[in-house]
């Protein structure tokens, strides 16, 4: 995969995976790129940029948790987990009496 950022491109592999559990499903994305500066991760954002901060805010909206692991020259892994109560729809396989067309 080729990732382009502000005119410079870096070839890196990206590996998405689904975390399928009944308690806390989620998504994990890992790359083998340059990584994120640990100081930047500690701050949570860089002036004028909203990527990590925006992802954390969106995770919070659905009651989820965003976790970021990274090291310089070692890539980055981002994991989003969401409580099952917010992620799964109630079982709709049984029609309700209102759905039977009045029969």
Protein backbone atom coordinates (compact mmCIF):
# COMPACT_ATOMS: atom_id res chain seq x y z
CA UNK A 1 0.00 0.00 0.00
CA UNK A 2 1.22 3.49 -0.73
CA UNK A 3 0.36 6.18 1.79
CA UNK A 4 0.72 9.80 0.71
CA UNK A 5 0.91 12.60 3.21
CA UNK A 6 1.52 16.21 2.22
CA UNK A 7 3.56 15.45 -0.84
CA UNK A 8 5.79 12.76 0.59
CA UNK A 9 4.95 9.13 0.17
CA UNK A 10 5.99 6.15 2.19
CA UNK A 11 5.44 2.54 1.17
CA UNK A 12 4.08 0.54 4.06
CA UNK A 13 1.99 -2.50 4.79
CA UNK A 14 -1.37 -2.09 6.50
CA UNK A 15 -3.12 -4.98 8.24
CA UNK A 16 -6.71 -4.44 9.42
CA UNK A 17 -8.35 -7.08 11.62
CA UNK A 18 -11.73 -7.48 13.28
CA UNK A 19 -11.94 -8.22 16.99
CA UNK A 20 -15.04 -10.39 17.22
CA UNK A 21 -16.21 -10.87 20.78
CA UNK A 22 -19.66 -10.83 22.33
CA UNK A 23 -18.54 -8.46 25.07
CA UNK A 24 -16.47 -5.83 23.28
CA UNK A 25 -16.18 -6.09 19.48
CA UNK A 26 -13.79 -3.85 17.65
CA UNK A 27 -11.36 -3.16 14.90
CA UNK A 28 -7.55 -3.13 14.92
CA UNK A 29 -5.39 -1.57 12.22
CA UNK A 30 -1.64 -2.08 12.21
CA UNK A 31 0.99 -0.68 9.85
CA UNK A 32 4.73 -1.02 9.49
CA UNK A 33 5.37 2.65 8.77
CA UNK A 34 7.50 5.23 10.56
CA UNK A 35 5.48 5.23 13.77
CA UNK A 36 4.37 8.17 15.88
CA UNK A 37 6.68 10.18 18.10
CA UNK A 38 6.03 9.08 21.74
CA UNK A 39 5.94 12.72 22.84
CA UNK A 40 3.17 13.42 20.34
CA UNK A 41 1.21 10.40 21.59
CA UNK A 42 1.53 11.66 25.16
CA UNK A 43 0.20 15.08 24.13
CA UNK A 44 -2.67 13.50 22.20
CA UNK A 45 -2.47 15.90 19.27
CA UNK A 46 -0.25 18.15 17.24
CA UNK A 47 -1.06 21.84 16.77
CA UNK A 48 -3.39 22.27 13.82
CA UNK A 49 -4.05 18.52 13.46
CA UNK A 50 -7.10 16.65 14.70
CA UNK A 51 -6.58 13.03 13.58
CA UNK A 52 -5.96 11.20 16.87
CA UNK A 53 -8.07 13.62 18.86
CA UNK A 54 -10.95 13.27 16.38
CA UNK A 55 -10.75 9.48 16.46
CA UNK A 56 -10.85 9.49 20.27
CA UNK A 57 -13.84 11.85 20.26
CA UNK A 58 -15.73 9.65 17.80
CA UNK A 59 -14.96 6.55 19.85
CA UNK A 60 -16.33 8.28 22.96
CA UNK A 61 -19.58 9.15 21.14
CA UNK A 62 -20.38 5.44 20.77
CA UNK A 63 -19.09 4.60 24.25
CA UNK A 64 -15.95 3.05 22.80
CA UNK A 65 -12.27 3.16 23.58
CA UNK A 66 -9.45 4.02 21.19
CA UNK A 67 -6.00 2.71 22.04
CA UNK A 68 -2.86 3.65 20.11
CA UNK A 69 0.47 1.83 20.31
CA UNK A 70 3.42 3.16 18.36
CA UNK A 71 7.16 3.59 18.33
CA UNK A 72 9.45 5.42 15.94
CA UNK A 73 10.48 3.22 13.02
CA UNK A 74 8.28 0.40 14.34
CA UNK A 75 4.85 1.25 12.95
CA UNK A 76 1.56 1.98 14.64
CA UNK A 77 -1.38 -0.05 15.88
CA UNK A 78 -4.76 1.52 16.55
CA UNK A 79 -7.53 -0.44 18.23
CA UNK A 80 -11.16 0.60 18.62
CA UNK A 81 -13.41 -1.38 20.94
CA UNK A 82 -17.09 -0.71 21.61
CA UNK A 83 -19.29 -2.22 24.32
CA UNK A 84 -21.54 -4.89 22.83
CA UNK A 85 -24.62 -3.08 24.13
CA UNK A 86 -23.73 -0.19 21.81
CA UNK A 87 -22.44 -2.26 18.91
CA UNK A 88 -25.06 -4.95 18.37
CA UNK A 89 -28.69 -4.52 17.35
CA UNK A 90 -31.31 -6.33 19.38
CA UNK A 91 -32.55 -9.60 17.89
CA UNK A 92 -35.17 -8.69 15.29
CA UNK A 93 -35.82 -12.19 13.97
CA UNK A 94 -39.21 -12.45 15.70
CA UNK A 95 -41.78 -10.04 14.21
CA UNK A 96 -43.82 -8.07 16.71
CA UNK A 97 -47.64 -8.04 16.59
CA UNK A 98 -47.46 -4.53 15.06
CA UNK A 99 -45.47 -5.98 12.14
CA UNK A 100 -47.96 -8.69 11.17
CA UNK A 101 -50.11 -6.43 9.00
CA UNK A 102 -53.03 -6.55 11.44
CA UNK A 103 -53.68 -10.24 10.92
